[in-house]
Amino acid sequence: MGSEISHREFTEEDFIAFKKALYDEHAYIKSLFDKGQELFSDKYRIGYELEACILTGNNLPNPINKDILDDINSPLFTNELAKYDLEINGNVFKLDADAPKKLANDFLSLWQQGQDSSKKFNAKLGLFGVLPSLKLEHFDKELYQSEMHRYTLVSQRMKELRHESVKILFRGEDEISLQKDDVMLEALGTSLQIHFQIPFEQAVAYYHAALLASVVLLGFGANSSLVLGKRAWHESRIAIFEQSVDTRDKKRRDHGDETRVHFAHGYINSWLDLFEQNKMFKIIFADVKNKPVSDLHHFNLHNGTIWRWIRPILGEDKDGKHTLRLELRVLPSGPTLIDTQANIWFFIGLIEGLVRSNIDLTKIPFEKLKDDFYSVAKTGLNTKFHEPVNAQKVSLKEWILNDGLALTKMGLSSFGIDDVEQFLDIIEQRTSNGQNGASWQLEHYKKYNSIPKLMEDYMKNSEQNIPVHTWSL
């Protein structure tokens, strides 16, 4: 969502031409898959995107991302939907023994660059799943929408496809009910996206492992429990994002058509199944370009407007080899840089461990796996889910401690990554005491009933990079 769209408006002819180009590119992709792994890279790589909130000295949303981005002037820092957010696009690293150190240095360097620039404008950056100090006034697009035409185009297309306002309705301890005529409510959530490049021949196994790992990490890393002063889901971004960019009209919602943001349709036989599913979603940007089929311009643009929680991405590396990567999208930002790194290595290690264990992950009926995903989003680490060996329902916390950690260690060791005791300890301790960002916020709010104090204490801990499981009240 970071690149601009060249068109100011789209005609019916644009949509017809875009659809034709899209289908031509799908045929090209099928030909690549028919030829198999000889055309694809067998390298494992990792990258990330980290969304951050820009705050005033009083920890309120600060709509100055343009000032900061202009000052930094780097392609690694980009816009987000709201002027009080920005995104850090990390560098890409080979998954080997040096990856944790390289990624940590990258994190700290880019984060410091963002903080140093923010200070020039009397601002600071914070990491939240949902920023607790947001108020309804901060969703006025005239005042707070970033200056990119693509965001206006998304809102226009939403109106054309839905024929009614965007509505958000879900319930945690309190009910969250919101309505808007544009996509600005999507700015409630800020997230971490992990990019995991995988080999062609095991792509299906990695996708299925990522489905299960997403359920686990969603509960483990939850950090979005307060929405506009109300106690919501532990990871409220799931409900917010799925509803805030829902392009279905009433007829398609009643029919049960899939939302643009979704967990999955089911288990797959090939990544072609996922790319074929893209055809069922309406085109958002009919940005037609006269480019070779092999550039995949239309495919990538359309695929980028289908926000699966695990997005399949087809790319190309500098050696001209095609690449497959998983964009793992379930994690929120924060609470700290050290927690973020622990989340990343837990996610990558668990996926790799599940693949190498050769467990039949499809033994869990898919609808039960999907139900687990939303149950975990609601109640976080305190949830029961279906474990992968016997598909029995067990405590998420107990499974992480008894099985998840062992799988993660095995997975990381397979890459030669053994020097990560700091992160493994964070995983174990956070799970054992059950305190992640979401539960800390709920307990703090219950005790003090004060968003300003919560923000002050949260930022004090976060700025010291103290792991969230050690935060006191």
Protein backbone atom coordinates (compact mmCIF):
# COMPACT_ATOMS: atom_id res chain seq x y z
CA MET A 1 0.00 0.00 0.00
CA GLY A 2 3.03 2.28 0.02
CA SER A 3 3.29 3.11 -3.69
CA GLU A 4 1.31 5.79 -5.46
CA ILE A 5 -1.27 5.20 -8.23
CA SER A 6 -0.79 7.11 -11.48
CA HIS A 7 -4.50 7.35 -12.42
CA ARG A 8 -6.73 10.07 -10.98
CA GLU A 9 -9.86 8.11 -11.89
CA PHE A 10 -10.74 4.84 -13.62
CA THR A 11 -13.07 4.27 -16.58
CA GLU A 12 -15.00 1.17 -17.52
CA GLU A 13 -12.45 0.60 -20.28
CA ASP A 14 -9.67 0.67 -17.67
CA PHE A 15 -11.31 -2.12 -15.69
CA ILE A 16 -11.81 -4.25 -18.81
CA ALA A 17 -8.19 -3.75 -19.87
CA PHE A 18 -6.89 -4.40 -16.37
CA LYS A 19 -8.87 -7.62 -16.06
CA LYS A 20 -7.51 -8.87 -19.39
CA ALA A 21 -3.94 -8.05 -18.38
CA LEU A 22 -4.51 -9.72 -15.02
CA TYR A 23 -5.73 -12.94 -16.65
CA ASP A 24 -2.77 -12.92 -19.07
CA GLU A 25 -0.41 -12.64 -16.10
CA HIS A 26 -2.21 -15.48 -14.31
CA ALA A 27 -1.60 -17.66 -17.37
CA TYR A 28 2.09 -16.67 -17.29
CA ILE A 29 2.32 -17.58 -13.59
CA LYS A 30 0.77 -20.98 -14.29
CA SER A 31 3.45 -21.58 -16.92
CA LEU A 32 6.13 -20.79 -14.33
CA PHE A 33 4.64 -23.27 -11.89
CA ASP A 34 4.34 -25.92 -14.62
CA LYS A 35 8.11 -25.67 -15.21
CA GLY A 36 8.72 -26.04 -11.50
CA GLN A 37 11.53 -25.29 -9.12
CA GLU A 38 14.28 -24.78 -11.73
CA LEU A 39 12.92 -21.23 -12.24
CA PHE A 40 12.64 -20.44 -8.53
CA SER A 41 15.17 -19.48 -5.90
CA ASP A 42 15.85 -22.04 -3.17
CA LYS A 43 17.19 -19.36 -0.78
CA TYR A 44 15.66 -18.58 2.61
CA ARG A 45 15.45 -14.86 3.35
CA ILE A 46 13.76 -12.63 5.90
CA GLY A 47 12.51 -9.03 5.83
CA TYR A 48 10.02 -6.92 7.73
CA GLU A 49 7.78 -3.86 7.72
CA LEU A 50 7.19 -2.10 11.03
CA GLU A 51 4.44 0.50 11.42
CA ALA A 52 4.93 3.14 14.10
CA CYS A 53 2.76 5.84 15.66
CA ILE A 54 4.00 9.44 15.79
CA LEU A 55 3.25 11.05 19.15
CA THR A 56 3.35 14.47 20.74
CA GLY A 57 5.14 15.02 24.05
CA ASN A 58 1.80 14.27 25.73
CA ASN A 59 1.49 10.96 23.86
CA LEU A 60 -1.28 12.12 21.53
CA PRO A 61 -1.37 11.36 17.77
CA ASN A 62 0.90 13.78 15.92
CA PRO A 63 0.04 14.23 12.20
CA ILE A 64 3.51 15.10 10.89
CA ASN A 65 4.63 12.03 8.94
CA LYS A 66 5.39 14.16 5.85
CA ASP A 67 7.82 16.33 7.82
CA ILE A 68 9.63 13.28 9.18
CA LEU A 69 9.68 11.42 5.87
CA ASP A 70 10.96 14.49 4.03
CA ASP A 71 13.67 14.92 6.65
CA ILE A 72 14.81 11.28 6.51
CA ASN A 73 14.46 11.08 2.71
CA SER A 74 14.93 7.32 2.49
CA PRO A 75 12.92 4.65 0.62
CA LEU A 76 13.08 2.58 3.81
CA PHE A 77 10.62 5.00 5.44
CA THR A 78 7.18 5.39 3.87
CA ASN A 79 3.66 6.71 4.40
CA GLU A 80 0.83 4.98 6.16
CA LEU A 81 -2.85 5.86 5.81
CA ALA A 82 -2.90 8.34 8.70
CA LYS A 83 -0.55 11.31 9.04
CA TYR A 84 0.26 10.18 12.58
CA ASP A 85 1.73 6.87 11.37
CA LEU A 86 4.71 5.85 9.26
CA GLU A 87 6.25 2.57 8.13
CA ILE A 88 9.82 1.34 8.38
CA ASN A 89 10.73 -1.11 5.61
CA GLY A 90 13.66 -3.14 6.89
CA ASN A 91 16.47 -4.56 4.82
CA VAL A 92 16.40 -8.18 3.66
CA PHE A 93 18.72 -10.81 5.14
CA LYS A 94 19.69 -14.36 4.36
CA LEU A 95 18.42 -16.74 7.03
CA ASP A 96 21.61 -18.04 8.59
CA ALA A 97 23.51 -17.92 11.88
CA ASP A 98 24.18 -14.18 11.48
CA ALA A 99 20.56 -13.22 10.75
CA PRO A 100 19.48 -12.33 14.33
CA LYS A 101 22.44 -10.00 14.82
CA LYS A 102 22.00 -8.37 11.41
CA LEU A 103 18.28 -7.93 11.93
CA ALA A 104 18.79 -6.49 15.42
CA ASN A 105 21.31 -3.97 14.10
CA ASP A 106 18.94 -3.05 11.27
CA PHE A 107 16.07 -2.59 13.72
CA LEU A 108 18.05 -0.40 16.07
CA SER A 109 19.65 1.68 13.32
CA LEU A 110 16.42 2.44 11.46
CA TRP A 111 14.48 2.99 14.68
CA GLN A 112 17.07 5.46 15.92
CA GLN A 113 16.98 7.23 12.57
CA GLY A 114 13.21 7.61 12.91
CA GLN A 115 13.45 8.81 16.51
CA ASP A 116 16.22 11.31 15.75
CA SER A 117 14.16 12.84 12.97
CA SER A 118 11.01 12.90 15.11
CA LYS A 119 12.84 14.82 17.85
CA LYS A 120 13.54 17.64 15.39
CA PHE A 121 9.77 18.21 15.35
CA ASN A 122 9.28 17.71 19.11
CA ALA A 123 7.77 14.30 18.43
CA LYS A 124 8.57 10.64 19.17
CA LEU A 125 7.69 7.21 17.80
CA GLY A 126 5.75 4.51 19.65
CA LEU A 127 4.82 0.90 18.89
CA PHE A 128 1.18 -0.10 19.40
CA GLY A 129 -1.31 -2.50 17.87
CA VAL A 130 -4.03 0.08 18.47
CA LEU A 131 -2.91 3.44 19.84
CA PRO A 132 -4.93 3.94 23.08
CA SER A 133 -4.85 7.75 22.87
CA LEU A 134 -6.71 7.84 19.53
CA LYS A 135 -10.09 9.56 19.58
CA LEU A 136 -12.86 9.76 16.99
CA GLU A 137 -11.65 13.20 15.92
CA HIS A 138 -8.42 11.61 14.64
CA PHE A 139 -10.28 9.88 11.78
CA ASP A 140 -11.23 13.08 9.96
CA LYS A 141 -9.64 12.42 6.57
CA GLU A 142 -9.38 16.13 5.74
CA LEU A 143 -7.08 16.64 8.73
CA TYR A 144 -5.41 13.27 9.21
CA GLN A 145 -5.27 11.30 5.94
CA SER A 146 -1.79 11.09 4.41
CA GLU A 147 -1.22 13.03 1.23
CA MET A 148 -1.33 10.15 -1.24
CA HIS A 149 -4.03 9.88 -3.89
CA ARG A 150 -4.21 6.09 -3.54
CA TYR A 151 -5.92 6.46 -0.15
CA THR A 152 -8.62 8.69 -1.64
CA LEU A 153 -9.07 6.21 -4.48
CA VAL A 154 -9.55 3.34 -2.02
CA SER A 155 -12.34 5.27 -0.28
CA GLN A 156 -13.99 6.06 -3.60
CA ARG A 157 -13.88 2.43 -4.71
CA MET A 158 -15.23 1.28 -1.33
CA LYS A 159 -18.28 3.51 -1.83
CA GLU A 160 -18.79 2.24 -5.38
CA LEU A 161 -18.62 -1.40 -4.31
CA ARG A 162 -20.42 -1.26 -0.94
CA HIS A 163 -23.13 1.34 -1.71
CA GLU A 164 -23.12 2.26 1.99
CA SER A 165 -20.89 3.44 4.83
CA VAL A 166 -18.15 1.36 6.40
CA LYS A 167 -19.35 -0.13 9.68
CA ILE A 168 -17.31 -1.71 12.45
CA LEU A 169 -19.10 -3.73 15.12
CA PHE A 170 -17.55 -6.24 17.54
CA ARG A 171 -17.56 -6.88 21.26
CA GLY A 172 -14.94 -7.58 23.89
CA GLU A 173 -15.73 -6.56 27.45
CA ASP A 174 -17.26 -3.48 25.81
CA GLU A 175 -18.96 -3.04 22.45
CA ILE A 176 -17.10 -1.28 19.63
CA SER A 177 -19.50 0.32 17.15
CA LEU A 178 -18.20 2.76 14.50
CA GLN A 179 -19.33 4.06 11.13
CA LYS A 180 -17.48 6.05 8.46
CA ASP A 181 -17.78 7.00 4.79
CA ASP A 182 -14.11 6.33 4.04
CA VAL A 183 -11.32 3.91 5.01
CA MET A 184 -9.82 6.05 7.80
CA LEU A 185 -10.97 3.61 10.50
CA GLU A 186 -8.32 1.24 9.17
CA ALA A 187 -5.79 3.67 10.70
CA LEU A 188 -6.79 2.34 14.14
CA GLY A 189 -4.37 -0.55 13.68
CA THR A 190 -0.58 -0.54 13.36
CA SER A 191 1.25 -3.75 12.67
CA LEU A 192 4.40 -5.75 12.04
CA GLN A 193 4.64 -7.67 8.78
CA ILE A 194 7.29 -10.38 8.44
CA HIS A 195 8.43 -11.50 4.99
CA PHE A 196 9.68 -15.07 4.81
CA GLN A 197 11.12 -16.28 1.48
CA ILE A 198 10.80 -20.04 1.07
CA PRO A 199 11.73 -22.70 -1.54
CA PHE A 200 9.28 -23.65 -4.29
CA GLU A 201 9.13 -27.41 -3.65
CA GLN A 202 7.87 -27.02 -0.06
CA ALA A 203 5.69 -23.94 -0.54
CA VAL A 204 2.43 -25.72 0.35
CA ALA A 205 3.88 -27.14 3.57
CA TYR A 206 5.15 -23.70 4.57
CA TYR A 207 1.77 -22.13 3.89
CA HIS A 208 -0.03 -24.67 6.07
CA ALA A 209 2.58 -24.25 8.82
CA ALA A 210 2.10 -20.48 8.63
CA LEU A 211 -1.65 -20.90 9.16
CA LEU A 212 -1.15 -22.73 12.44
CA ALA A 213 1.73 -20.52 13.55
CA SER A 214 -0.41 -17.44 12.91
CA VAL A 215 -2.98 -18.71 15.41
CA VAL A 216 -0.25 -19.20 18.01
CA LEU A 217 1.53 -15.88 17.41
CA LEU A 218 -1.74 -13.97 17.35
CA GLY A 219 -2.35 -14.92 20.97
CA PHE A 220 1.27 -14.68 22.05
CA GLY A 221 1.89 -11.23 20.54
CA ALA A 222 -1.50 -9.54 21.11
CA ASN A 223 -1.22 -5.79 21.81
CA SER A 224 -4.50 -4.19 20.70
CA SER A 225 -6.97 -4.50 23.57
CA LEU A 226 -8.10 -0.87 24.03
CA VAL A 227 -10.03 0.83 21.23
CA LEU A 228 -11.13 4.43 21.75
CA GLY A 229 -11.21 3.91 25.51
CA LYS A 230 -13.14 0.64 25.32
CA ARG A 231 -12.01 -2.86 26.29
CA ALA A 232 -12.09 -4.88 23.11
CA TRP A 233 -10.46 -8.07 21.76
CA HIS A 234 -6.90 -8.83 22.83
CA GLU A 235 -5.96 -8.38 19.15
CA SER A 236 -8.66 -5.99 17.94
CA ARG A 237 -6.81 -5.26 14.69
CA ILE A 238 -8.27 -8.50 13.32
CA ALA A 239 -11.88 -7.30 13.57
CA ILE A 240 -11.02 -3.68 12.74
CA PHE A 241 -9.13 -4.40 9.54
CA GLU A 242 -11.53 -7.07 8.28
CA GLN A 243 -14.48 -4.70 8.64
CA SER A 244 -12.86 -1.37 7.75
CA VAL A 245 -11.93 -2.41 4.20
CA ASP A 246 -14.86 -4.73 3.52
CA THR A 247 -15.82 -4.00 -0.10
CA ARG A 248 -18.83 -6.36 -0.18
CA ASP A 249 -22.29 -4.90 -0.66
CA LYS A 250 -25.21 -6.20 1.42
CA LYS A 251 -26.12 -8.88 -1.12
CA ARG A 252 -22.58 -10.30 -1.17
CA ARG A 253 -22.32 -10.16 2.63
CA ASP A 254 -25.63 -12.03 2.98
CA HIS A 255 -24.38 -14.56 0.43
CA GLY A 256 -21.32 -15.16 2.61
CA ASP A 257 -18.69 -14.00 0.11
CA GLU A 258 -15.20 -13.71 1.55
CA THR A 259 -13.91 -10.40 2.90
CA ARG A 260 -10.79 -8.84 1.36
CA VAL A 261 -9.10 -9.28 4.73
CA HIS A 262 -9.39 -12.91 5.78
CA PHE A 263 -7.60 -15.86 7.36
CA ALA A 264 -7.85 -18.34 4.48
CA HIS A 265 -10.35 -20.31 2.38
CA GLY A 266 -8.97 -23.70 3.31
CA TYR A 267 -5.98 -25.96 2.81
CA ILE A 268 -4.34 -25.90 -0.61
CA ASN A 269 -2.65 -28.19 -3.11
CA SER A 270 -0.61 -25.45 -4.76
CA TRP A 271 0.00 -21.73 -4.39
CA LEU A 272 -1.83 -21.49 -7.71
CA ASP A 273 -4.98 -22.17 -5.64
CA LEU A 274 -4.32 -18.93 -3.74
CA PHE A 275 -3.61 -16.93 -6.88
CA GLU A 276 -6.73 -18.33 -8.53
CA GLN A 277 -8.79 -17.16 -5.54
CA ASN A 278 -7.67 -13.59 -6.32
CA LYS A 279 -10.00 -13.60 -9.31
CA MET A 280 -13.09 -13.60 -7.08
CA PHE A 281 -12.22 -10.18 -5.62
CA LYS A 282 -13.29 -6.96 -7.31
CA ILE A 283 -10.52 -4.83 -8.78
CA ILE A 284 -9.72 -1.77 -6.65
CA PHE A 285 -7.10 0.00 -8.78
CA ALA A 286 -7.48 -0.42 -12.56
CA ASP A 287 -4.03 1.11 -13.03
CA VAL A 288 -3.31 -0.27 -16.50
CA LYS A 289 0.31 -0.20 -17.66
CA ASN A 290 1.80 -1.25 -20.97
CA LYS A 291 4.33 -3.61 -19.45
CA PRO A 292 5.53 -7.12 -20.31
CA VAL A 293 3.49 -9.95 -18.82
CA SER A 294 6.59 -11.08 -16.95
CA ASP A 295 6.61 -7.82 -14.93
CA LEU A 296 3.39 -8.98 -13.22
CA HIS A 297 2.36 -5.34 -12.65
CA HIS A 298 -1.38 -6.02 -12.66
CA PHE A 299 -1.11 -9.25 -10.68
CA ASN A 300 0.99 -7.66 -7.94
CA LEU A 301 -1.20 -4.56 -7.71
CA HIS A 302 -4.35 -6.66 -7.36
CA ASN A 303 -2.73 -9.15 -4.97
CA GLY A 304 -1.64 -6.20 -2.83
CA THR A 305 -5.28 -5.16 -2.31
CA ILE A 306 -6.29 -8.57 -0.95
CA TRP A 307 -5.18 -8.43 2.65
CA ARG A 308 -5.03 -12.08 3.69
CA TRP A 309 -3.51 -12.47 7.14
CA ILE A 310 -0.98 -14.67 5.35
CA ARG A 311 -0.36 -13.13 1.95
CA PRO A 312 1.37 -15.19 -0.78
CA ILE A 313 3.80 -13.08 -2.82
CA LEU A 314 5.49 -13.96 -6.10
CA GLY A 315 8.60 -11.90 -6.80
CA GLU A 316 12.02 -11.97 -8.41
CA ASP A 317 15.50 -11.68 -6.92
CA LYS A 318 18.57 -9.85 -8.22
CA ASP A 319 19.77 -13.06 -9.90
CA GLY A 320 16.63 -13.22 -12.03
CA LYS A 321 15.19 -16.18 -10.12
CA HIS A 322 11.51 -16.10 -9.18
CA THR A 323 10.78 -16.12 -5.46
CA LEU A 324 7.92 -17.20 -3.24
CA ARG A 325 7.45 -15.53 0.09
CA LEU A 326 4.94 -15.49 2.90
CA GLU A 327 3.91 -12.10 4.21
CA LEU A 328 2.95 -12.85 7.81
CA ARG A 329 0.52 -10.09 8.79
CA VAL A 330 -1.17 -11.07 12.07
CA LEU A 331 1.23 -9.42 14.53
CA PRO A 332 0.69 -5.93 15.93
CA SER A 333 3.50 -3.45 16.44
CA GLY A 334 5.24 -3.37 19.79
CA PRO A 335 5.31 -3.10 22.64
CA THR A 336 9.13 -2.84 22.36
CA LEU A 337 11.91 -3.53 19.88
CA ILE A 338 13.13 -6.49 21.93
CA ASP A 339 9.60 -7.98 22.08
CA THR A 340 9.26 -7.44 18.33
CA GLN A 341 12.43 -9.40 17.65
CA ALA A 342 11.25 -12.22 19.93
CA ASN A 343 7.96 -12.30 18.01
CA ILE A 344 9.80 -12.53 14.69
CA TRP A 345 12.09 -15.40 15.70
CA PHE A 346 9.23 -17.27 17.35
CA PHE A 347 7.18 -16.97 14.15
CA ILE A 348 9.99 -18.01 11.80
CA GLY A 349 11.29 -20.77 14.07
CA LEU A 350 7.84 -22.24 14.71
CA ILE A 351 6.95 -22.34 11.00
CA GLU A 352 10.27 -24.01 10.15
CA GLY A 353 9.92 -26.44 13.05
CA LEU A 354 6.40 -27.42 11.98
CA VAL A 355 7.58 -28.05 8.41
CA ARG A 356 10.58 -30.11 9.51
CA SER A 357 8.51 -32.14 11.99
CA ASN A 358 6.44 -33.52 9.09
CA ILE A 359 3.28 -33.25 11.19
CA ASP A 360 0.16 -33.56 9.02
CA LEU A 361 -1.14 -30.04 9.71
CA THR A 362 -4.31 -30.69 7.68
CA LYS A 363 -5.46 -33.15 10.35
CA ILE A 364 -7.13 -30.21 12.09
CA PRO A 365 -10.43 -29.62 10.25
CA PHE A 366 -9.98 -26.25 8.57
CA GLU A 367 -13.12 -24.70 10.05
CA LYS A 368 -11.83 -25.52 13.53
CA LEU A 369 -8.48 -23.90 12.72
CA LYS A 370 -10.30 -20.82 11.45
CA ASP A 371 -12.49 -20.70 14.57
CA ASP A 372 -9.35 -20.94 16.70
CA PHE A 373 -7.89 -17.94 14.89
CA TYR A 374 -10.79 -15.70 15.86
CA SER A 375 -11.08 -17.14 19.38
CA VAL A 376 -7.41 -16.37 20.00
CA ALA A 377 -7.87 -12.85 18.61
CA LYS A 378 -10.58 -12.32 21.23
CA THR A 379 -8.92 -13.74 24.33
CA GLY A 380 -5.20 -13.99 23.54
CA LEU A 381 -2.96 -16.30 25.54
CA ASN A 382 -5.92 -17.39 27.68
CA THR A 383 -7.43 -19.40 24.81
CA LYS A 384 -7.68 -23.10 24.01
CA PHE A 385 -6.91 -24.19 20.46
CA HIS A 386 -6.53 -27.38 18.43
CA GLU A 387 -2.94 -28.65 18.64
CA PRO A 388 -1.52 -30.11 15.42
CA VAL A 389 -0.58 -33.69 16.33
CA ASN A 390 -3.96 -35.11 17.41
CA ALA A 391 -6.18 -32.08 16.70
CA GLN A 392 -7.19 -32.04 20.37
CA LYS A 393 -8.18 -28.80 22.10
CA VAL A 394 -5.54 -27.70 24.62
CA SER A 395 -4.36 -24.58 26.43
CA LEU A 396 -2.42 -22.29 24.09
CA LYS A 397 -0.03 -21.37 26.92
CA GLU A 398 0.68 -24.99 27.82
CA TRP A 399 1.20 -25.97 24.17
CA ILE A 400 3.73 -23.17 23.63
CA LEU A 401 5.69 -24.22 26.73
CA ASN A 402 5.49 -27.97 26.06
CA ASP A 403 5.69 -28.15 22.25
CA GLY A 404 5.90 -24.74 20.59
CA LEU A 405 9.24 -23.78 22.12
CA ALA A 406 10.83 -27.12 21.18
CA LEU A 407 9.60 -26.80 17.59
CA THR A 408 10.89 -23.23 17.46
CA LYS A 409 14.36 -24.22 18.69
CA MET A 410 14.49 -27.02 16.12
CA GLY A 411 13.41 -24.68 13.35
CA LEU A 412 15.94 -21.98 14.18
CA SER A 413 18.73 -24.54 14.62
CA SER A 414 18.08 -25.80 11.09
CA PHE A 415 19.21 -22.36 9.86
CA GLY A 416 22.26 -22.49 12.11
CA ILE A 417 20.60 -20.00 14.48
CA ASP A 418 21.46 -21.14 17.98
CA ASP A 419 22.51 -17.92 19.74
CA VAL A 420 18.98 -16.65 20.49
CA GLU A 421 18.59 -17.59 24.16
CA GLN A 422 17.53 -14.02 24.94
CA PHE A 423 14.54 -14.34 22.64
CA LEU A 424 13.68 -17.90 23.67
CA ASP A 425 13.71 -16.74 27.29
CA ILE A 426 11.29 -13.92 26.43
CA ILE A 427 8.99 -16.41 24.71
CA GLU A 428 9.02 -18.73 27.72
CA GLN A 429 8.62 -15.99 30.35
CA ARG A 430 5.88 -14.10 28.50
CA THR A 431 3.94 -17.31 28.03
CA SER A 432 4.47 -18.49 31.62
CA ASN A 433 3.18 -15.33 33.28
CA GLY A 434 0.62 -14.62 30.57
CA GLN A 435 1.48 -10.94 30.27
CA ASN A 436 1.69 -9.56 26.75
CA GLY A 437 0.88 -6.01 25.61
CA ALA A 438 -2.85 -6.66 25.47
CA SER A 439 -3.21 -8.11 28.97
CA TRP A 440 -0.95 -5.43 30.50
CA GLN A 441 -3.09 -2.68 28.96
CA LEU A 442 -6.32 -4.25 30.20
CA GLU A 443 -4.97 -4.66 33.74
CA HIS A 444 -3.53 -1.15 33.79
CA TYR A 445 -6.80 0.35 32.57
CA LYS A 446 -8.74 -1.68 35.13
CA LYS A 447 -6.52 -0.39 37.93
CA TYR A 448 -6.21 3.29 36.95
CA ASN A 449 -9.01 3.92 34.42
CA SER A 450 -6.76 6.53 32.79
CA ILE A 451 -5.57 6.53 29.18
CA PRO A 452 -3.04 9.37 29.81
CA LYS A 453 -1.41 7.41 32.65
CA LEU A 454 -1.48 4.21 30.62
CA MET A 455 0.25 5.99 27.74
CA GLU A 456 2.84 7.52 30.08
CA ASP A 457 3.70 4.17 31.70
CA TYR A 458 3.63 2.27 28.40
CA MET A 459 6.02 4.71 26.71
CA LYS A 460 8.35 4.79 29.72
CA ASN A 461 8.73 0.99 29.54
CA SER A 462 8.86 0.91 25.76
CA GLU A 463 11.54 3.60 25.49
CA GLN A 464 13.73 1.61 27.91
CA ASN A 465 13.17 -1.47 25.71
CA ILE A 466 12.04 -3.54 28.70
CA PRO A 467 10.32 -6.82 27.67
CA VAL A 468 6.58 -6.53 28.26
CA HIS A 469 6.34 -9.62 30.47
CA THR A 470 8.39 -7.73 33.11
CA TRP A 471 6.27 -4.55 33.10
CA SER A 472 4.70 -3.81 36.47
CA LEU A 473 1.49 -1.94 37.17
